[in-house]
Amino acid sequence: MSFKKTAVLLLLLIYCLATAETIKLKDGTELRGTISSRTNGMTRFLHPLLGRIAIPDSALADRVKTVEENDSSRISTLSRRFSITAGWNFSHGTSSLPGGRLGLEWNKNRLWIDEWDLKINARIAKEGASVIDRAGSAVLRYGRSFSTQFYGFLRASVEHDKNSVVEYRLQPTAGAGFWFSDSTQLKTFIEAGAGWYWLSRTGTNQKNDGVLQFRFSLIWSPFSGVELRTDNYLFPPGGKLERLRFETKNSIALKLFKKHLFTLNYDLVLDKSAPAAINEISGYFFLGLEWRS
């Protein structure tokens, strides 16, 4: 099956998931439609024949998660994160040298409804008076819950990397994900999607092609004040493994104060489509401080 047919089938699957949600009541009744919100002990539901209806959470089957009135503050949350780190870029492009990085994240989440997330990162490294490495990226993401475990997402990213001679890489994708666990101690999920990318490298023609996206993410807090995080992306352009791009971002965070953390970060990028003069593997090792609100 060709890549384009695979991408079309995947997007059709996402659409089917996005337009249907089944709610089971304690008496065995099943209603199929779209959940619009869960607030104040009521689940508001859009049924194709009955229209908009509200169902008390007490009438839902036990297996369906609900939000109690005394926990309604969890419905809508706004968080911000700022980080500053210093460390070492190794095997990156054509050089290994010390560098620094700044990061900013903004997130707005309405529990089991939708989520907006914006991440901006900038990295720089100098050798003497010359800037050897300069890179930046921005990722905007919107997620919409279909149930307490399934969700769909839209993602757009843009990045620039001087040392890897990437003038810009623009990539919009859409897909669906599944939460295996969403507790305060362990959060883990997988995603699959499809999209398109445009890539321009210095001295070469622009490239564009379809791309698949697979993601696995895990956040684990084994002890109070300790957080282990891993976020892994696999992008096979055109469905071809010989041109794949793999990214893994890993960190250990130790809580210093109420809103301040000490972080140890290790990132790795494998880019099989890189020119022969550029290393396929790029690694980053950073120590830093992070502020969260």
C-alpha atoms as a PDB file:
ATOM      1  CA  MET A   1       0.000   0.000   0.000  1.00  0.00           C
ATOM      2  CA  SER A   2       1.397   3.414  -0.999  1.00  0.00           C
ATOM      3  CA  PHE A   3       2.200   6.098   1.549  1.00  0.00           C
ATOM      4  CA  LYS A   4      -0.576   8.388   0.294  1.00  0.00           C
ATOM      5  CA  LYS A   5      -3.197   5.638   0.637  1.00  0.00           C
ATOM      6  CA  THR A   6      -1.913   4.840   4.143  1.00  0.00           C
ATOM      7  CA  ALA A   7      -2.092   8.516   5.140  1.00  0.00           C
ATOM      8  CA  VAL A   8      -5.648   8.849   3.761  1.00  0.00           C
ATOM      9  CA  LEU A   9      -6.818   5.747   5.646  1.00  0.00           C
ATOM     10  CA  LEU A  10      -5.196   7.023   8.841  1.00  0.00           C
ATOM     11  CA  LEU A  11      -6.903  10.415   8.528  1.00  0.00           C
ATOM     12  CA  LEU A  12     -10.256   8.699   7.851  1.00  0.00           C
ATOM     13  CA  LEU A  13      -9.761   6.670  11.036  1.00  0.00           C
ATOM     14  CA  ILE A  14      -9.034   9.869  12.953  1.00  0.00           C
ATOM     15  CA  TYR A  15     -12.197  11.461  11.571  1.00  0.00           C
ATOM     16  CA  CYS A  16     -14.311   8.471  12.603  1.00  0.00           C
ATOM     17  CA  LEU A  17     -12.889   8.644  16.122  1.00  0.00           C
ATOM     18  CA  ALA A  18     -13.440  12.388  16.284  1.00  0.00           C
ATOM     19  CA  THR A  19     -17.115  12.272  15.332  1.00  0.00           C
ATOM     20  CA  ALA A  20     -18.290   9.493  17.618  1.00  0.00           C
ATOM     21  CA  GLU A  21     -18.253   8.816  21.356  1.00  0.00           C
ATOM     22  CA  THR A  22     -20.197   6.182  23.258  1.00  0.00           C
ATOM     23  CA  ILE A  23     -21.506   6.810  26.777  1.00  0.00           C
ATOM     24  CA  LYS A  24     -22.797   3.873  28.809  1.00  0.00           C
ATOM     25  CA  LEU A  25     -25.352   4.429  31.552  1.00  0.00           C
ATOM     26  CA  LYS A  26     -25.714   2.263  34.642  1.00  0.00           C
ATOM     27  CA  ASP A  27     -28.963   0.763  33.293  1.00  0.00           C
ATOM     28  CA  GLY A  28     -27.087  -0.514  30.218  1.00  0.00           C
ATOM     29  CA  THR A  29     -28.271   2.177  27.799  1.00  0.00           C
ATOM     30  CA  GLU A  30     -25.685   3.344  25.264  1.00  0.00           C
ATOM     31  CA  LEU A  31     -25.712   6.803  23.705  1.00  0.00           C
ATOM     32  CA  ARG A  32     -23.514   7.618  20.729  1.00  0.00           C
ATOM     33  CA  GLY A  33     -22.551  11.187  19.875  1.00  0.00           C
ATOM     34  CA  THR A  34     -20.041  13.814  21.043  1.00  0.00           C
ATOM     35  CA  ILE A  35     -19.186  14.921  24.595  1.00  0.00           C
ATOM     36  CA  SER A  36     -19.064  18.731  24.763  1.00  0.00           C
ATOM     37  CA  SER A  37     -18.151  19.193  28.448  1.00  0.00           C
ATOM     38  CA  ARG A  38     -18.063  17.674  31.938  1.00  0.00           C
ATOM     39  CA  THR A  39     -18.686  20.223  34.706  1.00  0.00           C
ATOM     40  CA  ASN A  40     -20.524  20.491  38.032  1.00  0.00           C
ATOM     41  CA  GLY A  41     -21.396  16.807  38.136  1.00  0.00           C
ATOM     42  CA  MET A  42     -23.045  16.854  34.677  1.00  0.00           C
ATOM     43  CA  THR A  43     -21.902  15.451  31.338  1.00  0.00           C
ATOM     44  CA  ARG A  44     -23.190  17.475  28.385  1.00  0.00           C
ATOM     45  CA  PHE A  45     -23.637  15.396  25.273  1.00  0.00           C
ATOM     46  CA  LEU A  46     -24.529  16.160  21.640  1.00  0.00           C
ATOM     47  CA  HIS A  47     -26.729  13.369  20.240  1.00  0.00           C
ATOM     48  CA  PRO A  48     -27.422  13.251  16.462  1.00  0.00           C
ATOM     49  CA  LEU A  49     -31.186  12.769  17.039  1.00  0.00           C
ATOM     50  CA  LEU A  50     -31.880  14.032  20.561  1.00  0.00           C
ATOM     51  CA  GLY A  51     -29.686  17.120  20.223  1.00  0.00           C
ATOM     52  CA  ARG A  52     -27.939  18.555  23.287  1.00  0.00           C
ATOM     53  CA  ILE A  53     -28.643  16.664  26.494  1.00  0.00           C
ATOM     54  CA  ALA A  54     -27.192  16.748  30.022  1.00  0.00           C
ATOM     55  CA  ILE A  55     -26.642  13.544  31.994  1.00  0.00           C
ATOM     56  CA  PRO A  56     -25.846  13.433  35.739  1.00  0.00           C
ATOM     57  CA  ASP A  57     -22.482  11.807  36.356  1.00  0.00           C
ATOM     58  CA  SER A  58     -24.181   9.571  38.923  1.00  0.00           C
ATOM     59  CA  ALA A  59     -26.081   7.900  36.051  1.00  0.00           C
ATOM     60  CA  LEU A  60     -22.917   6.976  34.134  1.00  0.00           C
ATOM     61  CA  ALA A  61     -21.407   3.502  34.250  1.00  0.00           C
ATOM     62  CA  ASP A  62     -18.739   3.080  36.917  1.00  0.00           C
ATOM     63  CA  ARG A  63     -15.990   2.626  34.335  1.00  0.00           C
ATOM     64  CA  VAL A  64     -16.473   6.183  33.035  1.00  0.00           C
ATOM     65  CA  LYS A  65     -14.353   8.804  34.805  1.00  0.00           C
ATOM     66  CA  THR A  66     -16.285  11.755  36.189  1.00  0.00           C
ATOM     67  CA  VAL A  67     -15.415  15.074  37.767  1.00  0.00           C
ATOM     68  CA  GLU A  68     -17.033  15.723  41.126  1.00  0.00           C
ATOM     69  CA  GLU A  69     -18.325  19.186  42.016  1.00  0.00           C
ATOM     70  CA  ASN A  70     -15.744  19.594  44.736  1.00  0.00           C
ATOM     71  CA  ASP A  71     -13.004  18.889  42.175  1.00  0.00           C
ATOM     72  CA  SER A  72     -14.296  21.232  39.455  1.00  0.00           C
ATOM     73  CA  SER A  73     -11.085  23.275  39.607  1.00  0.00           C
ATOM     74  CA  ARG A  74      -9.438  20.506  37.595  1.00  0.00           C
ATOM     75  CA  ILE A  75     -11.625  21.271  34.604  1.00  0.00           C
ATOM     76  CA  SER A  76      -9.615  24.273  33.399  1.00  0.00           C
ATOM     77  CA  THR A  77      -5.929  24.795  34.191  1.00  0.00           C
ATOM     78  CA  LEU A  78      -3.364  27.239  32.844  1.00  0.00           C
ATOM     79  CA  SER A  79       0.332  26.525  33.267  1.00  0.00           C
ATOM     80  CA  ARG A  80       3.574  28.172  32.179  1.00  0.00           C
ATOM     81  CA  ARG A  81       7.108  26.830  32.206  1.00  0.00           C
ATOM     82  CA  PHE A  82      10.408  28.658  31.682  1.00  0.00           C
ATOM     83  CA  SER A  83      13.793  26.942  31.638  1.00  0.00           C
ATOM     84  CA  ILE A  84      17.404  28.037  31.244  1.00  0.00           C
ATOM     85  CA  THR A  85      20.153  25.457  30.786  1.00  0.00           C
ATOM     86  CA  ALA A  86      23.849  25.224  30.020  1.00  0.00           C
ATOM     87  CA  GLY A  87      25.716  22.196  28.766  1.00  0.00           C
ATOM     88  CA  TRP A  88      27.354  20.460  25.856  1.00  0.00           C
ATOM     89  CA  ASN A  89      26.352  19.816  22.230  1.00  0.00           C
ATOM     90  CA  PHE A  90      28.166  16.720  21.040  1.00  0.00           C
ATOM     91  CA  SER A  91      28.370  15.158  17.568  1.00  0.00           C
ATOM     92  CA  HIS A  92      26.071  17.944  16.371  1.00  0.00           C
ATOM     93  CA  GLY A  93      26.440  18.750  12.699  1.00  0.00           C
ATOM     94  CA  THR A  94      30.207  19.061  12.353  1.00  0.00           C
ATOM     95  CA  SER A  95      31.314  20.092  15.852  1.00  0.00           C
ATOM     96  CA  SER A  96      31.205  19.404  19.579  1.00  0.00           C
ATOM     97  CA  LEU A  97      31.182  22.452  21.829  1.00  0.00           C
ATOM     98  CA  PRO A  98      29.595  24.022  24.929  1.00  0.00           C
ATOM     99  CA  GLY A  99      26.349  25.897  24.570  1.00  0.00           C
ATOM    100  CA  GLY A 100      23.220  27.190  26.251  1.00  0.00           C
ATOM    101  CA  ARG A 101      19.488  26.869  25.782  1.00  0.00           C
ATOM    102  CA  LEU A 102      16.322  28.767  26.714  1.00  0.00           C
ATOM    103  CA  GLY A 103      12.844  27.252  26.733  1.00  0.00           C
ATOM    104  CA  LEU A 104       9.302  28.542  27.212  1.00  0.00           C
ATOM    105  CA  GLU A 105       6.074  26.518  27.392  1.00  0.00           C
ATOM    106  CA  TRP A 106       2.467  27.707  27.700  1.00  0.00           C
ATOM    107  CA  ASN A 107      -0.334  25.215  28.290  1.00  0.00           C
ATOM    108  CA  LYS A 108      -4.085  25.561  28.784  1.00  0.00           C
ATOM    109  CA  ASN A 109      -6.003  22.406  29.595  1.00  0.00           C
ATOM    110  CA  ARG A 110      -9.702  21.683  30.149  1.00  0.00           C
ATOM    111  CA  LEU A 111      -9.806  18.182  31.622  1.00  0.00           C
ATOM    112  CA  TRP A 112     -11.212  15.575  29.178  1.00  0.00           C
ATOM    113  CA  ILE A 113     -12.285  18.384  26.810  1.00  0.00           C
ATOM    114  CA  ASP A 114      -9.376  20.035  25.014  1.00  0.00           C
ATOM    115  CA  GLU A 115      -5.835  21.366  25.398  1.00  0.00           C
ATOM    116  CA  TRP A 116      -3.640  24.057  23.835  1.00  0.00           C
ATOM    117  CA  ASP A 117       0.141  23.805  24.087  1.00  0.00           C
ATOM    118  CA  LEU A 118       2.879  26.123  22.780  1.00  0.00           C
ATOM    119  CA  LYS A 119       6.608  25.373  23.119  1.00  0.00           C
ATOM    120  CA  ILE A 120       9.429  27.694  22.051  1.00  0.00           C
ATOM    121  CA  ASN A 121      13.116  26.783  22.348  1.00  0.00           C
ATOM    122  CA  ALA A 122      16.336  28.553  21.376  1.00  0.00           C
ATOM    123  CA  ARG A 123      19.892  27.181  21.469  1.00  0.00           C
ATOM    124  CA  ILE A 124      23.248  28.860  20.833  1.00  0.00           C
ATOM    125  CA  ALA A 125      26.913  27.895  21.003  1.00  0.00           C
ATOM    126  CA  LYS A 126      30.001  30.006  20.335  1.00  0.00           C
ATOM    127  CA  GLU A 127      33.630  29.258  19.608  1.00  0.00           C
ATOM    128  CA  GLY A 128      35.629  32.369  20.355  1.00  0.00           C
ATOM    129  CA  ALA A 129      33.794  35.300  18.818  1.00  0.00           C
ATOM    130  CA  SER A 130      32.043  33.172  16.199  1.00  0.00           C
ATOM    131  CA  VAL A 131      28.562  31.711  16.561  1.00  0.00           C
ATOM    132  CA  ILE A 132      28.990  28.071  15.519  1.00  0.00           C
ATOM    133  CA  ASP A 133      25.569  26.729  16.436  1.00  0.00           C
ATOM    134  CA  ARG A 134      22.299  28.639  16.431  1.00  0.00           C
ATOM    135  CA  ALA A 135      18.945  26.893  16.457  1.00  0.00           C
ATOM    136  CA  GLY A 136      15.346  27.583  17.338  1.00  0.00           C
ATOM    137  CA  SER A 137      11.995  25.818  17.204  1.00  0.00           C
ATOM    138  CA  ALA A 138       8.335  26.467  17.916  1.00  0.00           C
ATOM    139  CA  VAL A 139       5.567  23.872  18.267  1.00  0.00           C
ATOM    140  CA  LEU A 140       1.853  24.689  18.523  1.00  0.00           C
ATOM    141  CA  ARG A 141      -0.461  21.823  19.390  1.00  0.00           C
ATOM    142  CA  TYR A 142      -4.210  21.431  19.932  1.00  0.00           C
ATOM    143  CA  GLY A 143      -5.775  18.282  21.361  1.00  0.00           C
ATOM    144  CA  ARG A 144      -9.456  17.348  21.624  1.00  0.00           C
ATOM    145  CA  SER A 145     -10.707  14.518  23.833  1.00  0.00           C
ATOM    146  CA  PHE A 146     -13.081  11.940  22.373  1.00  0.00           C
ATOM    147  CA  SER A 147     -13.261  10.092  25.702  1.00  0.00           C
ATOM    148  CA  THR A 148     -11.228   9.841  28.893  1.00  0.00           C
ATOM    149  CA  GLN A 149      -8.537   7.882  26.984  1.00  0.00           C
ATOM    150  CA  PHE A 150      -8.822   8.627  23.230  1.00  0.00           C
ATOM    151  CA  TYR A 151      -8.093  12.046  21.745  1.00  0.00           C
ATOM    152  CA  GLY A 152      -7.242  13.718  18.454  1.00  0.00           C
ATOM    153  CA  PHE A 153      -4.609  16.378  17.827  1.00  0.00           C
ATOM    154  CA  LEU A 154      -3.399  18.982  15.357  1.00  0.00           C
ATOM    155  CA  ARG A 155       0.298  19.911  15.479  1.00  0.00           C
ATOM    156  CA  ALA A 156       2.383  22.480  13.600  1.00  0.00           C
ATOM    157  CA  SER A 157       6.131  22.898  14.052  1.00  0.00           C
ATOM    158  CA  VAL A 158       8.813  25.119  12.562  1.00  0.00           C
ATOM    159  CA  GLU A 159      12.541  24.962  13.236  1.00  0.00           C
ATOM    160  CA  HIS A 160      15.864  26.424  12.160  1.00  0.00           C
ATOM    161  CA  ASP A 161      19.294  24.859  12.756  1.00  0.00           C
ATOM    162  CA  LYS A 162      22.398  26.707  11.522  1.00  0.00           C
ATOM    163  CA  ASN A 163      24.902  23.945  12.201  1.00  0.00           C
ATOM    164  CA  SER A 164      22.837  21.297  10.424  1.00  0.00           C
ATOM    165  CA  VAL A 165      22.383  23.758   7.516  1.00  0.00           C
ATOM    166  CA  VAL A 166      18.592  23.679   8.016  1.00  0.00           C
ATOM    167  CA  GLU A 167      17.224  27.068   7.002  1.00  0.00           C
ATOM    168  CA  TYR A 168      13.753  25.935   7.990  1.00  0.00           C
ATOM    169  CA  ARG A 169      11.672  22.805   8.469  1.00  0.00           C
ATOM    170  CA  LEU A 170       7.898  23.303   8.530  1.00  0.00           C
ATOM    171  CA  GLN A 171       5.668  20.371   9.416  1.00  0.00           C
ATOM    172  CA  PRO A 172       1.895  20.262  10.098  1.00  0.00           C
ATOM    173  CA  THR A 173       0.439  16.914  11.252  1.00  0.00           C
ATOM    174  CA  ALA A 174      -2.863  15.520  12.513  1.00  0.00           C
ATOM    175  CA  GLY A 175      -3.555  12.304  14.346  1.00  0.00           C
ATOM    176  CA  ALA A 176      -5.000  10.460  17.328  1.00  0.00           C
ATOM    177  CA  GLY A 177      -3.647   9.327  20.681  1.00  0.00           C
ATOM    178  CA  PHE A 178      -4.425   7.004  23.575  1.00  0.00           C
ATOM    179  CA  TRP A 179      -3.762   7.519  27.297  1.00  0.00           C
ATOM    180  CA  PHE A 180      -2.594   4.371  29.100  1.00  0.00           C
ATOM    181  CA  SER A 181      -2.330   6.222  32.410  1.00  0.00           C
ATOM    182  CA  ASP A 182      -3.155   9.784  33.494  1.00  0.00           C
ATOM    183  CA  SER A 183      -2.515   9.814  37.234  1.00  0.00           C
ATOM    184  CA  THR A 184      -0.453  12.262  39.282  1.00  0.00           C
ATOM    185  CA  GLN A 185       2.290   9.614  39.626  1.00  0.00           C
ATOM    186  CA  LEU A 186       2.359   8.199  36.089  1.00  0.00           C
ATOM    187  CA  LYS A 187       1.324   9.708  32.764  1.00  0.00           C
ATOM    188  CA  THR A 188       1.952   7.735  29.576  1.00  0.00           C
ATOM    189  CA  PHE A 189       0.429   7.828  26.106  1.00  0.00           C
ATOM    190  CA  ILE A 190       1.027   6.994  22.432  1.00  0.00           C
ATOM    191  CA  GLU A 191       0.151   8.918  19.257  1.00  0.00           C
ATOM    192  CA  ALA A 192       0.015   8.222  15.529  1.00  0.00           C
ATOM    193  CA  GLY A 193      -0.574  10.750  12.790  1.00  0.00           C
ATOM    194  CA  ALA A 194       0.206  11.902   9.265  1.00  0.00           C
ATOM    195  CA  GLY A 195       1.071  15.198   7.654  1.00  0.00           C
ATOM    196  CA  TRP A 196       3.405  17.022   5.300  1.00  0.00           C
ATOM    197  CA  TYR A 197       6.783  18.689   5.617  1.00  0.00           C
ATOM    198  CA  TRP A 198       8.772  21.351   3.805  1.00  0.00           C
ATOM    199  CA  LEU A 199      12.555  21.329   4.303  1.00  0.00           C
ATOM    200  CA  SER A 200      15.109  23.846   3.048  1.00  0.00           C
ATOM    201  CA  ARG A 201      18.831  23.308   3.594  1.00  0.00           C
ATOM    202  CA  THR A 202      21.514  25.864   2.773  1.00  0.00           C
ATOM    203  CA  GLY A 203      22.786  25.344  -0.765  1.00  0.00           C
ATOM    204  CA  THR A 204      20.129  22.783  -1.752  1.00  0.00           C
ATOM    205  CA  ASN A 205      16.650  22.823  -3.226  1.00  0.00           C
ATOM    206  CA  GLN A 206      13.576  22.726  -1.031  1.00  0.00           C
ATOM    207  CA  LYS A 207      12.202  19.263  -0.285  1.00  0.00           C
ATOM    208  CA  ASN A 208       8.620  18.390   0.577  1.00  0.00           C
ATOM    209  CA  ASP A 209       6.835  15.108   1.089  1.00  0.00           C
ATOM    210  CA  GLY A 210       4.246  13.366   3.219  1.00  0.00           C
ATOM    211  CA  VAL A 211       5.334  12.209   6.652  1.00  0.00           C
ATOM    212  CA  LEU A 212       4.055   9.796   9.285  1.00  0.00           C
ATOM    213  CA  GLN A 213       4.376  10.620  12.977  1.00  0.00           C
ATOM    214  CA  PHE A 214       4.601   8.213  15.909  1.00  0.00           C
ATOM    215  CA  ARG A 215       5.071   9.325  19.502  1.00  0.00           C
ATOM    216  CA  PHE A 216       5.537   7.689  22.900  1.00  0.00           C
ATOM    217  CA  SER A 217       5.655   9.814  26.057  1.00  0.00           C
ATOM    218  CA  LEU A 218       6.046   8.956  29.733  1.00  0.00           C
ATOM    219  CA  ILE A 219       6.160  11.128  32.862  1.00  0.00           C
ATOM    220  CA  TRP A 220       6.850   9.271  36.110  1.00  0.00           C
ATOM    221  CA  SER A 221       7.138  10.621  39.651  1.00  0.00           C
ATOM    222  CA  PRO A 222       8.552   7.715  41.707  1.00  0.00           C
ATOM    223  CA  PHE A 223       9.068   9.940  44.757  1.00  0.00           C
ATOM    224  CA  SER A 224       7.778  13.294  45.920  1.00  0.00           C
ATOM    225  CA  GLY A 225       9.783  16.071  44.254  1.00  0.00           C
ATOM    226  CA  VAL A 226      11.287  13.793  41.576  1.00  0.00           C
ATOM    227  CA  GLU A 227      10.078  13.625  37.964  1.00  0.00           C
ATOM    228  CA  LEU A 228      11.395  11.430  35.139  1.00  0.00           C
ATOM    229  CA  ARG A 229      10.282  12.375  31.630  1.00  0.00           C
ATOM    230  CA  THR A 230      10.849  10.865  28.182  1.00  0.00           C
ATOM    231  CA  ASP A 231       9.287  12.072  24.933  1.00  0.00           C
ATOM    232  CA  ASN A 232      10.045  10.170  21.710  1.00  0.00           C
ATOM    233  CA  TYR A 233       9.103  11.004  18.111  1.00  0.00           C
ATOM    234  CA  LEU A 234       9.567   8.961  14.933  1.00  0.00           C
ATOM    235  CA  PHE A 235       9.046  10.652  11.544  1.00  0.00           C
ATOM    236  CA  PRO A 236       9.457   8.456   8.432  1.00  0.00           C
ATOM    237  CA  PRO A 237       9.158  10.931   5.477  1.00  0.00           C
ATOM    238  CA  GLY A 238       7.098   9.404   2.690  1.00  0.00           C
ATOM    239  CA  GLY A 239       6.923   6.250   4.788  1.00  0.00           C
ATOM    240  CA  LYS A 240      10.587   5.513   3.896  1.00  0.00           C
ATOM    241  CA  LEU A 241      12.723   4.276   6.794  1.00  0.00           C
ATOM    242  CA  GLU A 242      15.973   5.156   4.998  1.00  0.00           C
ATOM    243  CA  ARG A 243      15.004   8.842   5.386  1.00  0.00           C
ATOM    244  CA  LEU A 244      13.539   8.683   8.887  1.00  0.00           C
ATOM    245  CA  ARG A 245      14.040  11.241  11.625  1.00  0.00           C
ATOM    246  CA  PHE A 246      14.011  10.151  15.276  1.00  0.00           C
ATOM    247  CA  GLU A 247      13.962  12.504  18.278  1.00  0.00           C
ATOM    248  CA  THR A 248      14.137  11.602  21.953  1.00  0.00           C
ATOM    249  CA  LYS A 249      14.029  14.140  24.799  1.00  0.00           C
ATOM    250  CA  ASN A 250      14.745  12.919  28.315  1.00  0.00           C
ATOM    251  CA  SER A 251      15.013  14.705  31.645  1.00  0.00           C
ATOM    252  CA  ILE A 252      15.240  14.228  35.388  1.00  0.00           C
ATOM    253  CA  ALA A 253      13.779  17.063  37.470  1.00  0.00           C
ATOM    254  CA  LEU A 254      14.405  17.566  41.187  1.00  0.00           C
ATOM    255  CA  LYS A 255      12.181  20.003  43.064  1.00  0.00           C
ATOM    256  CA  LEU A 256      14.164  22.709  44.860  1.00  0.00           C
ATOM    257  CA  PHE A 257      11.350  25.039  45.947  1.00  0.00           C
ATOM    258  CA  LYS A 258       7.603  25.239  45.313  1.00  0.00           C
ATOM    259  CA  LYS A 259       7.986  26.430  41.708  1.00  0.00           C
ATOM    260  CA  HIS A 260      11.686  25.876  40.972  1.00  0.00           C
ATOM    261  CA  LEU A 261      13.364  22.675  39.790  1.00  0.00           C
ATOM    262  CA  PHE A 262      16.872  21.509  38.961  1.00  0.00           C
ATOM    263  CA  THR A 263      16.950  19.556  35.693  1.00  0.00           C
ATOM    264  CA  LEU A 264      19.290  17.139  33.950  1.00  0.00           C
ATOM    265  CA  ASN A 265      18.462  16.933  30.229  1.00  0.00           C
ATOM    266  CA  TYR A 266      19.638  14.591  27.480  1.00  0.00           C
ATOM    267  CA  ASP A 267      18.326  14.945  23.916  1.00  0.00           C
ATOM    268  CA  LEU A 268      19.222  12.905  20.846  1.00  0.00           C
ATOM    269  CA  VAL A 269      18.298  13.399  17.176  1.00  0.00           C
ATOM    270  CA  LEU A 270      18.889  10.892  14.373  1.00  0.00           C
ATOM    271  CA  ASP A 271      18.343  12.379  10.895  1.00  0.00           C
ATOM    272  CA  LYS A 272      18.954   9.913   8.061  1.00  0.00           C
ATOM    273  CA  SER A 273      18.214  12.588   5.452  1.00  0.00           C
ATOM    274  CA  ALA A 274      21.132  14.796   6.526  1.00  0.00           C
ATOM    275  CA  PRO A 275      23.766  15.636   3.858  1.00  0.00           C
ATOM    276  CA  ALA A 276      26.913  13.521   3.791  1.00  0.00           C
ATOM    277  CA  ALA A 277      28.981  16.325   5.380  1.00  0.00           C
ATOM    278  CA  ILE A 278      26.656  16.506   8.396  1.00  0.00           C
ATOM    279  CA  ASN A 279      26.592  13.905  11.172  1.00  0.00           C
ATOM    280  CA  GLU A 280      23.353  11.909  11.268  1.00  0.00           C
ATOM    281  CA  ILE A 281      23.347  11.882  15.073  1.00  0.00           C
ATOM    282  CA  SER A 282      23.088  15.030  17.180  1.00  0.00           C
ATOM    283  CA  GLY A 283      23.277  14.920  20.957  1.00  0.00           C
ATOM    284  CA  TYR A 284      22.697  17.529  23.667  1.00  0.00           C
ATOM    285  CA  PHE A 285      23.510  17.245  27.360  1.00  0.00           C
ATOM    286  CA  PHE A 286      22.353  20.124  29.592  1.00  0.00           C
ATOM    287  CA  LEU A 287      22.035  21.035  33.266  1.00  0.00           C
ATOM    288  CA  GLY A 288      19.569  23.757  34.128  1.00  0.00           C
ATOM    289  CA  LEU A 289      16.917  25.450  36.227  1.00  0.00           C
ATOM    290  CA  GLU A 290      13.196  25.438  35.505  1.00  0.00           C
ATOM    291  CA  TRP A 291      10.385  27.644  36.760  1.00  0.00           C
ATOM    292  CA  ARG A 292       6.762  26.478  36.653  1.00  0.00           C
ATOM    293  CA  SER A 293       3.496  28.209  37.478  1.00  0.00           C
END
